[in-house]
Amino acid sequence: MAIYEYECLTCGHSFEVWQKITEDPLKSCERCGGEVRRLIGQTGFILKGTGWYVTDYVRKGKDQDSSRDSTKESSSNSNKDQ
């Protein structure tokens, strides 16, 4: 459900209505019965930061374990060389 804002073209009354996205827009004012128009308002959705990337989230499972194994192998190989 979304909140839609309407304004009456006759009396100037503005009001909000909870509606499903699939519902048709309202056509008449709840006060005077005049024609209404749906307004476009600012959203409360804000994105912050540099963005969303696959690397922003820790992967659990096989990928994480295999990266640990390769790190262990490279460190053990470097110790053998010394």
Protein backbone atom coordinates (compact mmCIF):
# COMPACT_ATOMS: atom_id res chain seq x y z
CA MET A 1 0.00 0.00 0.00
CA ALA A 2 1.16 3.51 -0.75
CA ILE A 3 0.12 6.94 0.41
CA TYR A 4 -1.15 9.14 -2.41
CA GLU A 5 -1.71 12.88 -2.10
CA TYR A 6 -4.64 14.57 -3.82
CA GLU A 7 -5.74 18.18 -4.28
CA CYS A 8 -9.24 19.36 -5.14
CA LEU A 9 -9.40 21.67 -8.16
CA THR A 10 -12.64 23.26 -6.86
CA CYS A 11 -12.07 23.99 -3.14
CA GLY A 12 -8.27 23.54 -2.90
CA HIS A 13 -8.55 20.90 -0.14
CA SER A 14 -5.53 18.56 -0.07
CA PHE A 15 -5.62 15.11 1.51
CA GLU A 16 -3.78 11.80 1.63
CA VAL A 17 -5.20 8.35 0.93
CA TRP A 18 -3.75 4.84 1.45
CA GLN A 19 -4.25 2.94 -1.82
CA LYS A 20 -2.93 -0.12 -3.54
CA ILE A 21 -0.80 0.58 -6.59
CA THR A 22 -3.31 -1.30 -8.73
CA GLU A 23 -6.26 0.88 -7.61
CA ASP A 24 -7.56 3.62 -9.89
CA PRO A 25 -6.85 7.21 -8.78
CA LEU A 26 -9.63 9.05 -6.94
CA LYS A 27 -11.81 11.34 -9.05
CA SER A 28 -13.78 13.37 -6.51
CA CYS A 29 -13.02 15.45 -3.41
CA GLU A 30 -14.04 14.00 -0.05
CA ARG A 31 -15.30 17.44 1.08
CA CYS A 32 -17.08 19.07 -1.84
CA GLY A 33 -17.25 16.33 -4.49
CA GLY A 34 -15.22 18.40 -6.97
CA GLU A 35 -12.61 17.01 -9.34
CA VAL A 36 -9.23 16.10 -7.80
CA ARG A 37 -5.75 15.59 -9.16
CA ARG A 38 -3.07 13.35 -7.73
CA LEU A 39 0.02 15.23 -6.62
CA ILE A 40 3.63 14.13 -6.94
CA GLY A 41 5.53 14.65 -3.72
CA GLN A 42 9.00 14.06 -2.41
CA THR A 43 9.85 10.57 -1.34
CA GLY A 44 11.37 9.53 1.96
CA PHE A 45 13.85 7.23 0.21
CA ILE A 46 17.46 8.38 0.49
CA LEU A 47 20.57 6.63 -0.80
CA LYS A 48 23.77 7.41 1.06
CA GLY A 49 27.32 6.36 0.42
CA THR A 50 29.17 5.37 -2.70
CA GLY A 51 26.68 2.72 -3.83
CA TRP A 52 25.87 -0.93 -3.50
CA TYR A 53 28.28 -3.50 -4.76
CA VAL A 54 28.61 -7.26 -4.48
CA THR A 55 31.76 -6.73 -2.46
CA ASP A 56 29.85 -4.73 0.19
CA TYR A 57 28.40 -7.90 1.66
CA VAL A 58 30.24 -10.78 3.25
CA ARG A 59 29.69 -14.02 1.40
CA LYS A 60 29.15 -17.02 3.59
CA GLY A 61 30.08 -20.51 2.60
CA LYS A 62 32.33 -21.92 -0.05
CA ASP A 63 33.72 -18.69 -1.52
CA GLN A 64 34.88 -17.45 1.87
CA ASP A 65 36.45 -20.80 2.85
CA SER A 66 38.36 -21.12 -0.44
CA SER A 67 39.83 -17.64 -0.05
CA ARG A 68 41.07 -18.55 3.43
CA ASP A 69 42.67 -21.76 2.10
CA SER A 70 44.53 -19.89 -0.65
CA THR A 71 45.82 -17.37 1.90
CA LYS A 72 47.09 -20.18 4.14
CA GLU A 73 48.81 -21.90 1.20
CA SER A 74 50.59 -18.74 0.07
CA SER A 75 51.82 -17.98 3.60
CA SER A 76 53.02 -21.56 4.15
CA ASN A 77 54.83 -21.53 0.78
CA SER A 78 56.60 -18.31 1.69
CA ASN A 79 57.75 -19.83 5.00
CA LYS A 80 59.22 -22.85 3.16
CA ASP A 81 61.31 -20.60 0.97
CA GLN A 82 63.07 -19.06 3.95
